Amino acid sequence: MKYFKKLVGKNVYLSPINVEDAEIYTKWLNDFDVTDGVGNSTMILSVEYERDWIIKNSNQYQFAIVRLDNDKLIGNCSIHAINQIRQCAEVGLFIGDEENRNKGYGEEVLNLLLYYGFNYLNLNNIMLRVFSFNERAINCYKKVGFKEMGRRRQSYYLRGNYYDEVYMDILREEYNK
């Protein structure tokens, strides 16, 4: 079996990442439609690099996003920068192919990550970062309950324009309401 249903939602589940998926991740991480939104469009990634990265990070809270109806890999997500003493962390995600965007998967993934972070990792504050041009993502994050907590102004240069990096967070008590 390639994927394991660690966290299961209505349409997707989160599985530990699999080194066999290095090629598809490499495809996505060399696609400007994906990388512009995650902030690493200047990187050129090889399959070998991605395979090594997966191996080194497979014991972290890195998850493959897999469709429940057909077990197809559609993206990646993580809980990272975990500080157990302060009970805080960051989350991030991307959906690889355009055909899987705007279907509510991102919202579902965030709810799975928040459930896991608050109920299993004993976190109290989970934050994320998003660039100001990514209104689709910002709307998704607000729908889940994230609130803007600040901005790093004009900190991201992309194709001739500067954009703010928006910081958003959610508290356990807000999530549980």
N, C-alpha and C. Protein backbone atom coordinates (compact mmCIF):
# COMPACT_ATOMS: atom_id res chain seq x y z
N MET A 1 0.85 -1.19 0.00
CA MET A 1 0.00 0.00 0.00
C MET A 1 0.89 1.24 0.00
N LYS A 2 0.57 2.19 -0.85
CA LYS A 2 1.38 3.39 -1.00
C LYS A 2 1.04 4.47 0.04
N TYR A 3 -0.24 4.57 0.40
CA TYR A 3 -0.68 5.61 1.33
C TYR A 3 -1.38 4.98 2.52
N PHE A 4 -1.33 5.70 3.63
CA PHE A 4 -1.94 5.24 4.87
C PHE A 4 -2.83 6.35 5.39
N LYS A 5 -4.01 6.04 5.80
CA LYS A 5 -5.02 7.02 6.20
C LYS A 5 -4.80 7.45 7.65
N LYS A 6 -3.86 8.37 7.84
CA LYS A 6 -3.56 8.88 9.18
C LYS A 6 -4.67 9.80 9.68
N LEU A 7 -5.07 10.76 8.84
CA LEU A 7 -6.15 11.70 9.18
C LEU A 7 -7.13 11.69 8.02
N VAL A 8 -8.38 11.37 8.30
CA VAL A 8 -9.36 11.17 7.23
C VAL A 8 -10.45 12.23 7.31
N GLY A 9 -10.71 12.86 6.17
CA GLY A 9 -11.78 13.83 6.04
C GLY A 9 -12.89 13.26 5.17
N LYS A 10 -13.73 14.15 4.68
CA LYS A 10 -14.87 13.75 3.85
C LYS A 10 -14.42 13.40 2.42
N ASN A 11 -13.46 14.17 1.89
CA ASN A 11 -13.01 13.98 0.50
C ASN A 11 -11.54 13.66 0.36
N VAL A 12 -10.75 13.95 1.38
CA VAL A 12 -9.31 13.71 1.32
C VAL A 12 -8.85 13.06 2.62
N TYR A 13 -7.67 12.48 2.55
CA TYR A 13 -7.02 12.01 3.77
C TYR A 13 -5.55 12.40 3.71
N LEU A 14 -4.94 12.46 4.89
CA LEU A 14 -3.53 12.80 5.00
C LEU A 14 -2.77 11.54 5.34
N SER A 15 -1.72 11.31 4.59
CA SER A 15 -0.89 10.12 4.73
C SER A 15 0.55 10.55 4.95
N PRO A 16 1.35 9.74 5.65
CA PRO A 16 2.79 10.04 5.66
C PRO A 16 3.29 10.15 4.22
N ILE A 17 4.25 11.04 3.99
CA ILE A 17 4.77 11.22 2.63
C ILE A 17 5.53 9.97 2.21
N ASN A 18 5.56 9.74 0.91
CA ASN A 18 6.15 8.54 0.34
C ASN A 18 7.24 8.93 -0.66
N VAL A 19 8.42 8.36 -0.50
CA VAL A 19 9.55 8.69 -1.36
C VAL A 19 9.27 8.36 -2.83
N GLU A 20 8.36 7.44 -3.07
CA GLU A 20 7.99 7.09 -4.45
C GLU A 20 7.32 8.26 -5.17
N ASP A 21 6.87 9.26 -4.43
CA ASP A 21 6.20 10.41 -5.03
C ASP A 21 7.15 11.56 -5.37
N ALA A 22 8.44 11.34 -5.24
CA ALA A 22 9.42 12.40 -5.50
C ALA A 22 9.25 13.02 -6.88
N GLU A 23 8.95 12.23 -7.87
CA GLU A 23 8.83 12.76 -9.23
C GLU A 23 7.64 13.72 -9.38
N ILE A 24 6.51 13.34 -8.82
CA ILE A 24 5.35 14.24 -8.94
C ILE A 24 5.54 15.51 -8.12
N TYR A 25 6.16 15.41 -6.93
CA TYR A 25 6.46 16.61 -6.15
C TYR A 25 7.43 17.51 -6.92
N THR A 26 8.41 16.90 -7.58
CA THR A 26 9.37 17.68 -8.36
C THR A 26 8.66 18.41 -9.50
N LYS A 27 7.72 17.74 -10.14
CA LYS A 27 6.93 18.39 -11.20
C LYS A 27 6.21 19.61 -10.64
N TRP A 28 5.52 19.43 -9.50
CA TRP A 28 4.77 20.54 -8.91
C TRP A 28 5.69 21.65 -8.44
N LEU A 29 6.83 21.29 -7.85
CA LEU A 29 7.73 22.30 -7.28
C LEU A 29 8.61 22.99 -8.32
N ASN A 30 8.40 22.65 -9.57
CA ASN A 30 9.00 23.37 -10.68
C ASN A 30 7.94 24.07 -11.53
N ASP A 31 6.72 24.12 -11.03
CA ASP A 31 5.59 24.74 -11.71
C ASP A 31 5.30 26.08 -11.04
N PHE A 32 5.44 27.17 -11.80
CA PHE A 32 5.23 28.50 -11.23
C PHE A 32 3.83 28.68 -10.63
N ASP A 33 2.83 27.98 -11.16
CA ASP A 33 1.47 28.09 -10.59
C ASP A 33 1.44 27.61 -9.14
N VAL A 34 2.33 26.70 -8.79
CA VAL A 34 2.44 26.22 -7.41
C VAL A 34 3.44 27.07 -6.64
N THR A 35 4.63 27.25 -7.19
CA THR A 35 5.72 27.85 -6.42
C THR A 35 5.57 29.35 -6.19
N ASP A 36 4.86 30.06 -7.07
CA ASP A 36 4.64 31.48 -6.81
C ASP A 36 3.90 31.66 -5.48
N GLY A 37 2.96 30.77 -5.21
CA GLY A 37 2.16 30.87 -3.99
C GLY A 37 2.89 30.44 -2.73
N VAL A 38 3.88 29.53 -2.86
CA VAL A 38 4.61 29.09 -1.68
C VAL A 38 5.93 29.81 -1.50
N GLY A 39 6.30 30.63 -2.47
CA GLY A 39 7.46 31.50 -2.31
C GLY A 39 8.80 30.91 -2.67
N ASN A 40 8.82 29.85 -3.47
CA ASN A 40 10.12 29.30 -3.84
C ASN A 40 10.28 29.12 -5.35
N SER A 41 9.78 30.08 -6.11
CA SER A 41 9.88 30.01 -7.56
C SER A 41 11.30 30.16 -8.08
N THR A 42 12.20 30.67 -7.28
CA THR A 42 13.59 30.83 -7.73
C THR A 42 14.37 29.53 -7.62
N MET A 43 13.83 28.55 -6.94
CA MET A 43 14.53 27.27 -6.78
C MET A 43 14.32 26.38 -7.99
N ILE A 44 15.34 25.62 -8.32
CA ILE A 44 15.25 24.60 -9.35
C ILE A 44 15.50 23.28 -8.65
N LEU A 45 14.47 22.43 -8.62
CA LEU A 45 14.56 21.19 -7.87
C LEU A 45 14.64 19.99 -8.80
N SER A 46 15.51 19.05 -8.45
CA SER A 46 15.63 17.81 -9.21
C SER A 46 14.92 16.70 -8.46
N VAL A 47 14.65 15.61 -9.15
CA VAL A 47 14.02 14.45 -8.51
C VAL A 47 14.92 13.93 -7.40
N GLU A 48 16.22 13.92 -7.64
CA GLU A 48 17.16 13.44 -6.62
C GLU A 48 17.11 14.30 -5.36
N TYR A 49 17.08 15.61 -5.54
CA TYR A 49 16.98 16.53 -4.40
C TYR A 49 15.69 16.27 -3.63
N GLU A 50 14.58 16.15 -4.35
CA GLU A 50 13.28 15.96 -3.69
C GLU A 50 13.24 14.61 -2.98
N ARG A 51 13.81 13.58 -3.58
CA ARG A 51 13.85 12.27 -2.95
C ARG A 51 14.63 12.34 -1.63
N ASP A 52 15.78 13.01 -1.66
CA ASP A 52 16.58 13.17 -0.44
C ASP A 52 15.82 13.96 0.62
N TRP A 53 15.11 15.01 0.18
CA TRP A 53 14.34 15.83 1.11
C TRP A 53 13.26 15.00 1.78
N ILE A 54 12.55 14.19 0.99
CA ILE A 54 11.48 13.35 1.55
C ILE A 54 12.05 12.38 2.58
N ILE A 55 13.17 11.77 2.26
CA ILE A 55 13.79 10.81 3.18
C ILE A 55 14.17 11.50 4.49
N LYS A 56 14.77 12.69 4.39
CA LYS A 56 15.21 13.42 5.58
C LYS A 56 14.03 13.93 6.42
N ASN A 57 12.90 14.21 5.79
CA ASN A 57 11.77 14.83 6.49
C ASN A 57 10.58 13.90 6.70
N SER A 58 10.72 12.64 6.36
CA SER A 58 9.58 11.73 6.44
C SER A 58 9.14 11.45 7.88
N ASN A 59 10.00 11.68 8.85
CA ASN A 59 9.61 11.47 10.24
C ASN A 59 9.09 12.75 10.89
N GLN A 60 8.98 13.81 10.12
CA GLN A 60 8.40 15.06 10.61
C GLN A 60 6.90 15.01 10.38
N TYR A 61 6.21 16.08 10.65
CA TYR A 61 4.76 16.14 10.44
C TYR A 61 4.47 16.63 9.03
N GLN A 62 4.99 15.88 8.06
CA GLN A 62 4.79 16.13 6.63
C GLN A 62 3.77 15.11 6.13
N PHE A 63 2.78 15.57 5.39
CA PHE A 63 1.73 14.67 4.92
C PHE A 63 1.48 14.83 3.42
N ALA A 64 1.19 13.70 2.80
CA ALA A 64 0.66 13.70 1.44
C ALA A 64 -0.83 13.96 1.55
N ILE A 65 -1.36 14.77 0.65
CA ILE A 65 -2.81 14.99 0.57
C ILE A 65 -3.32 14.06 -0.53
N VAL A 66 -4.23 13.17 -0.16
CA VAL A 66 -4.69 12.13 -1.08
C VAL A 66 -6.21 12.16 -1.15
N ARG A 67 -6.72 12.09 -2.39
CA ARG A 67 -8.18 12.04 -2.56
C ARG A 67 -8.71 10.72 -2.05
N LEU A 68 -9.79 10.78 -1.31
CA LEU A 68 -10.39 9.59 -0.71
C LEU A 68 -11.04 8.68 -1.75
N ASP A 69 -11.62 9.26 -2.80
CA ASP A 69 -12.36 8.46 -3.78
C ASP A 69 -11.49 7.62 -4.71
N ASN A 70 -10.23 8.05 -4.91
CA ASN A 70 -9.39 7.30 -5.87
C ASN A 70 -7.94 7.13 -5.42
N ASP A 71 -7.61 7.50 -4.20
CA ASP A 71 -6.25 7.39 -3.66
C ASP A 71 -5.21 8.11 -4.51
N LYS A 72 -5.61 9.22 -5.13
CA LYS A 72 -4.69 10.00 -5.97
C LYS A 72 -4.05 11.11 -5.14
N LEU A 73 -2.74 11.21 -5.23
CA LEU A 73 -1.99 12.27 -4.58
C LEU A 73 -2.34 13.60 -5.23
N ILE A 74 -2.72 14.60 -4.41
CA ILE A 74 -3.08 15.90 -4.99
C ILE A 74 -2.28 17.05 -4.38
N GLY A 75 -1.48 16.80 -3.35
CA GLY A 75 -0.74 17.90 -2.75
C GLY A 75 0.04 17.46 -1.53
N ASN A 76 0.47 18.45 -0.77
CA ASN A 76 1.32 18.23 0.39
C ASN A 76 0.95 19.24 1.46
N CYS A 77 1.13 18.85 2.72
CA CYS A 77 0.89 19.78 3.82
C CYS A 77 1.78 19.40 5.00
N SER A 78 1.89 20.30 5.94
CA SER A 78 2.74 20.01 7.10
C SER A 78 2.35 20.86 8.29
N ILE A 79 2.77 20.36 9.44
CA ILE A 79 2.82 21.15 10.66
C ILE A 79 4.31 21.25 10.97
N HIS A 80 4.84 22.46 11.06
CA HIS A 80 6.28 22.64 11.23
C HIS A 80 6.56 23.79 12.20
N ALA A 81 7.83 24.02 12.43
CA ALA A 81 8.26 25.06 13.39
C ALA A 81 7.54 24.87 14.72
N ILE A 82 7.44 23.63 15.16
CA ILE A 82 6.74 23.29 16.39
C ILE A 82 7.60 23.68 17.59
N ASN A 83 6.98 24.39 18.52
CA ASN A 83 7.63 24.73 19.78
C ASN A 83 6.71 24.20 20.89
N GLN A 84 7.06 23.04 21.43
CA GLN A 84 6.21 22.38 22.43
C GLN A 84 6.10 23.18 23.72
N ILE A 85 7.15 23.89 24.11
CA ILE A 85 7.10 24.67 25.34
C ILE A 85 6.09 25.81 25.21
N ARG A 86 6.14 26.51 24.09
CA ARG A 86 5.21 27.62 23.86
C ARG A 86 3.88 27.15 23.27
N GLN A 87 3.79 25.89 22.92
CA GLN A 87 2.59 25.26 22.35
C GLN A 87 2.11 25.97 21.08
N CYS A 88 3.07 26.23 20.19
CA CYS A 88 2.73 26.89 18.93
C CYS A 88 3.45 26.21 17.77
N ALA A 89 2.92 26.42 16.58
CA ALA A 89 3.50 25.84 15.37
C ALA A 89 2.97 26.59 14.16
N GLU A 90 3.47 26.20 12.99
CA GLU A 90 3.00 26.74 11.72
C GLU A 90 2.46 25.60 10.87
N VAL A 91 1.57 25.93 9.97
CA VAL A 91 1.08 24.97 8.99
C VAL A 91 1.29 25.54 7.59
N GLY A 92 1.33 24.66 6.63
CA GLY A 92 1.42 25.06 5.25
C GLY A 92 0.87 23.95 4.38
N LEU A 93 0.42 24.32 3.18
CA LEU A 93 -0.10 23.33 2.26
C LEU A 93 -0.06 23.85 0.84
N PHE A 94 -0.08 22.93 -0.10
CA PHE A 94 -0.32 23.29 -1.49
C PHE A 94 -1.05 22.15 -2.18
N ILE A 95 -1.87 22.54 -3.14
CA ILE A 95 -2.55 21.58 -4.01
C ILE A 95 -1.83 21.67 -5.35
N GLY A 96 -1.36 20.54 -5.86
CA GLY A 96 -0.48 20.52 -7.02
C GLY A 96 -1.10 20.91 -8.35
N ASP A 97 -2.06 20.16 -8.82
CA ASP A 97 -2.63 20.40 -10.15
C ASP A 97 -3.86 21.28 -10.06
N GLU A 98 -4.00 22.18 -11.03
CA GLU A 98 -5.11 23.13 -11.08
C GLU A 98 -6.47 22.43 -10.99
N GLU A 99 -6.57 21.26 -11.57
CA GLU A 99 -7.86 20.53 -11.59
C GLU A 99 -8.36 20.18 -10.19
N ASN A 100 -7.47 20.19 -9.20
CA ASN A 100 -7.86 19.86 -7.83
C ASN A 100 -8.01 21.09 -6.93
N ARG A 101 -7.84 22.28 -7.51
CA ARG A 101 -8.01 23.51 -6.73
C ARG A 101 -9.45 23.99 -6.83
N ASN A 102 -9.83 24.81 -5.86
CA ASN A 102 -11.19 25.37 -5.81
C ASN A 102 -12.27 24.31 -5.62
N LYS A 103 -11.94 23.25 -4.94
CA LYS A 103 -12.90 22.18 -4.67
C LYS A 103 -13.12 21.98 -3.17
N GLY A 104 -12.52 22.85 -2.36
CA GLY A 104 -12.69 22.75 -0.91
C GLY A 104 -11.68 21.84 -0.23
N TYR A 105 -10.74 21.28 -0.99
CA TYR A 105 -9.75 20.38 -0.39
C TYR A 105 -8.85 21.11 0.61
N GLY A 106 -8.45 22.34 0.28
CA GLY A 106 -7.57 23.11 1.17
C GLY A 106 -8.22 23.34 2.52
N GLU A 107 -9.49 23.71 2.52
CA GLU A 107 -10.22 23.92 3.76
C GLU A 107 -10.28 22.63 4.58
N GLU A 108 -10.56 21.54 3.90
CA GLU A 108 -10.63 20.25 4.59
C GLU A 108 -9.28 19.85 5.17
N VAL A 109 -8.21 20.07 4.41
CA VAL A 109 -6.86 19.76 4.88
C VAL A 109 -6.52 20.58 6.12
N LEU A 110 -6.82 21.87 6.08
CA LEU A 110 -6.54 22.72 7.23
C LEU A 110 -7.29 22.25 8.48
N ASN A 111 -8.54 21.87 8.31
CA ASN A 111 -9.29 21.37 9.46
C ASN A 111 -8.69 20.09 10.01
N LEU A 112 -8.18 19.21 9.15
CA LEU A 112 -7.51 17.99 9.62
C LEU A 112 -6.22 18.33 10.37
N LEU A 113 -5.44 19.27 9.82
CA LEU A 113 -4.19 19.67 10.49
C LEU A 113 -4.47 20.32 11.83
N LEU A 114 -5.48 21.18 11.89
CA LEU A 114 -5.82 21.85 13.15
C LEU A 114 -6.30 20.84 14.18
N TYR A 115 -7.14 19.91 13.76
CA TYR A 115 -7.62 18.87 14.68
C TYR A 115 -6.43 18.11 15.27
N TYR A 116 -5.52 17.71 14.42
CA TYR A 116 -4.34 16.96 14.86
C TYR A 116 -3.45 17.82 15.76
N GLY A 117 -3.20 19.05 15.34
CA GLY A 117 -2.33 19.94 16.11
C GLY A 117 -2.87 20.27 17.49
N PHE A 118 -4.15 20.57 17.57
CA PHE A 118 -4.74 20.95 18.85
C PHE A 118 -5.02 19.75 19.74
N ASN A 119 -5.45 18.64 19.16
CA ASN A 119 -5.89 17.50 19.97
C ASN A 119 -4.84 16.42 20.19
N TYR A 120 -3.81 16.38 19.37
CA TYR A 120 -2.77 15.36 19.54
C TYR A 120 -1.40 15.94 19.87
N LEU A 121 -1.09 17.09 19.29
CA LEU A 121 0.22 17.71 19.56
C LEU A 121 0.15 18.71 20.70
N ASN A 122 -1.05 18.92 21.26
CA ASN A 122 -1.26 19.81 22.39
C ASN A 122 -0.82 21.25 22.10
N LEU A 123 -1.10 21.71 20.90
CA LEU A 123 -0.76 23.08 20.52
C LEU A 123 -1.89 24.02 20.94
N ASN A 124 -1.55 25.28 21.15
CA ASN A 124 -2.55 26.29 21.50
C ASN A 124 -2.67 27.35 20.42
N ASN A 125 -1.61 27.57 19.64
CA ASN A 125 -1.60 28.61 18.61
C ASN A 125 -0.97 28.01 17.36
N ILE A 126 -1.69 28.10 16.25
CA ILE A 126 -1.17 27.63 14.96
C ILE A 126 -1.27 28.78 13.98
N MET A 127 -0.16 29.06 13.33
CA MET A 127 -0.13 30.17 12.38
C MET A 127 0.23 29.69 10.99
N LEU A 128 0.04 30.57 10.03
CA LEU A 128 0.47 30.32 8.66
C LEU A 128 0.87 31.64 8.03
N ARG A 129 1.53 31.52 6.90
CA ARG A 129 1.94 32.70 6.14
C ARG A 129 1.38 32.56 4.73
N VAL A 130 0.98 33.69 4.16
CA VAL A 130 0.42 33.70 2.81
C VAL A 130 0.76 35.04 2.19
N PHE A 131 0.93 35.06 0.88
CA PHE A 131 1.25 36.31 0.21
C PHE A 131 -0.04 37.04 -0.16
N SER A 132 0.00 38.36 -0.09
CA SER A 132 -1.20 39.19 -0.22
C SER A 132 -1.93 39.02 -1.55
N PHE A 133 -1.26 38.60 -2.61
CA PHE A 133 -1.93 38.41 -3.89
C PHE A 133 -2.78 37.14 -3.92
N ASN A 134 -2.56 36.24 -2.97
CA ASN A 134 -3.23 34.94 -2.98
C ASN A 134 -4.57 35.01 -2.25
N GLU A 135 -5.50 35.73 -2.86
CA GLU A 135 -6.80 35.97 -2.23
C GLU A 135 -7.60 34.68 -2.04
N ARG A 136 -7.46 33.76 -2.97
CA ARG A 136 -8.17 32.48 -2.86
C ARG A 136 -7.76 31.76 -1.57
N ALA A 137 -6.46 31.73 -1.30
CA ALA A 137 -5.97 31.08 -0.08
C ALA A 137 -6.40 31.86 1.16
N ILE A 138 -6.29 33.17 1.13
CA ILE A 138 -6.68 34.00 2.28
C ILE A 138 -8.14 33.77 2.64
N ASN A 139 -9.01 33.71 1.64
CA ASN A 139 -10.43 33.46 1.89
C ASN A 139 -10.64 32.08 2.50
N CYS A 140 -9.90 31.10 2.03
CA CYS A 140 -9.98 29.75 2.59
C CYS A 140 -9.57 29.76 4.06
N TYR A 141 -8.47 30.43 4.37
CA TYR A 141 -7.96 30.45 5.74
C TYR A 141 -8.94 31.14 6.68
N LYS A 142 -9.55 32.23 6.21
CA LYS A 142 -10.54 32.94 7.02
C LYS A 142 -11.76 32.05 7.27
N LYS A 143 -12.16 31.30 6.27
CA LYS A 143 -13.31 30.39 6.39
C LYS A 143 -13.08 29.36 7.49
N VAL A 144 -11.83 28.90 7.61
CA VAL A 144 -11.48 27.91 8.62
C VAL A 144 -11.42 28.55 10.01
N GLY A 145 -11.19 29.86 10.08
CA GLY A 145 -11.14 30.55 11.37
C GLY A 145 -9.85 31.30 11.64
N PHE A 146 -8.91 31.27 10.71
CA PHE A 146 -7.67 32.03 10.89
C PHE A 146 -7.97 33.52 10.82
N LYS A 147 -7.22 34.29 11.62
CA LYS A 147 -7.34 35.74 11.63
C LYS A 147 -5.99 36.35 11.29
N GLU A 148 -6.04 37.46 10.58
CA GLU A 148 -4.79 38.15 10.27
C GLU A 148 -4.22 38.74 11.55
N MET A 149 -2.92 38.50 11.77
CA MET A 149 -2.27 39.01 12.97
C MET A 149 -1.17 40.02 12.64
N GLY A 150 -0.86 40.17 11.36
CA GLY A 150 0.15 41.14 10.97
C GLY A 150 0.62 40.92 9.54
N ARG A 151 1.47 41.83 9.10
CA ARG A 151 2.01 41.76 7.74
C ARG A 151 3.47 42.17 7.75
N ARG A 152 4.21 41.54 6.91
CA ARG A 152 5.56 42.00 6.58
C ARG A 152 5.43 42.65 5.21
N ARG A 153 5.50 43.96 5.20
CA ARG A 153 5.16 44.73 4.01
C ARG A 153 6.21 44.60 2.91
N GLN A 154 5.71 44.45 1.69
CA GLN A 154 6.53 44.40 0.47
C GLN A 154 7.76 43.50 0.63
N SER A 155 7.57 42.34 1.20
CA SER A 155 8.70 41.44 1.47
C SER A 155 8.84 40.33 0.44
N TYR A 156 7.97 40.29 -0.55
CA TYR A 156 8.02 39.24 -1.57
C TYR A 156 7.97 39.90 -2.94
N TYR A 157 9.03 39.71 -3.70
CA TYR A 157 9.11 40.27 -5.04
C TYR A 157 8.81 39.17 -6.04
N LEU A 158 7.85 39.43 -6.91
CA LEU A 158 7.45 38.44 -7.90
C LEU A 158 7.04 39.14 -9.19
N ARG A 159 7.71 38.81 -10.24
CA ARG A 159 7.39 39.30 -11.59
C ARG A 159 7.14 40.80 -11.64
N GLY A 160 8.04 41.56 -11.07
CA GLY A 160 7.97 43.01 -11.17
C GLY A 160 7.16 43.72 -10.11
N ASN A 161 6.61 42.98 -9.16
CA ASN A 161 5.78 43.59 -8.12
C ASN A 161 6.21 43.12 -6.74
N TYR A 162 5.97 43.98 -5.75
CA TYR A 162 6.19 43.63 -4.36
C TYR A 162 4.85 43.29 -3.70
N TYR A 163 4.87 42.28 -2.85
CA TYR A 163 3.67 41.86 -2.14
C TYR A 163 3.98 41.71 -0.65
N ASP A 164 2.95 41.90 0.15
CA ASP A 164 3.08 41.69 1.59
C ASP A 164 3.04 40.20 1.90
N GLU A 165 3.73 39.82 2.96
CA GLU A 165 3.58 38.49 3.52
C GLU A 165 2.61 38.64 4.69
N VAL A 166 1.48 37.95 4.61
CA VAL A 166 0.41 38.07 5.60
C VAL A 166 0.55 36.93 6.61
N TYR A 167 0.54 37.28 7.88
CA TYR A 167 0.62 36.30 8.96
C TYR A 167 -0.78 36.13 9.55
N MET A 168 -1.21 34.88 9.65
CA MET A 168 -2.54 34.58 10.19
C MET A 168 -2.39 33.49 11.24
N ASP A 169 -3.27 33.51 12.24
CA ASP A 169 -3.22 32.45 13.25
C ASP A 169 -4.61 32.12 13.76
N ILE A 170 -4.66 31.01 14.50
CA ILE A 170 -5.88 30.56 15.14
C ILE A 170 -5.50 29.94 16.47
N LEU A 171 -6.32 30.18 17.48
CA LEU A 171 -6.10 29.60 18.81
C LEU A 171 -6.98 28.36 18.98
N ARG A 172 -6.55 27.49 19.86
CA ARG A 172 -7.33 26.28 20.15
C ARG A 172 -8.77 26.63 20.53
N GLU A 173 -8.95 27.63 21.41
CA GLU A 173 -10.29 27.99 21.86
C GLU A 173 -11.15 28.49 20.71
N GLU A 174 -10.55 29.18 19.73
CA GLU A 174 -11.30 29.64 18.56
C GLU A 174 -11.70 28.46 17.67
N TYR A 175 -10.79 27.52 17.53
CA TYR A 175 -11.07 26.33 16.73
C TYR A 175 -12.18 25.49 17.35
N ASN A 176 -12.20 25.39 18.66
CA ASN A 176 -13.18 24.55 19.35
C ASN A 176 -14.58 25.15 19.42
N LYS A 177 -14.75 26.42 19.04
CA LYS A 177 -16.08 27.06 19.09
C LYS A 177 -16.96 26.53 17.99
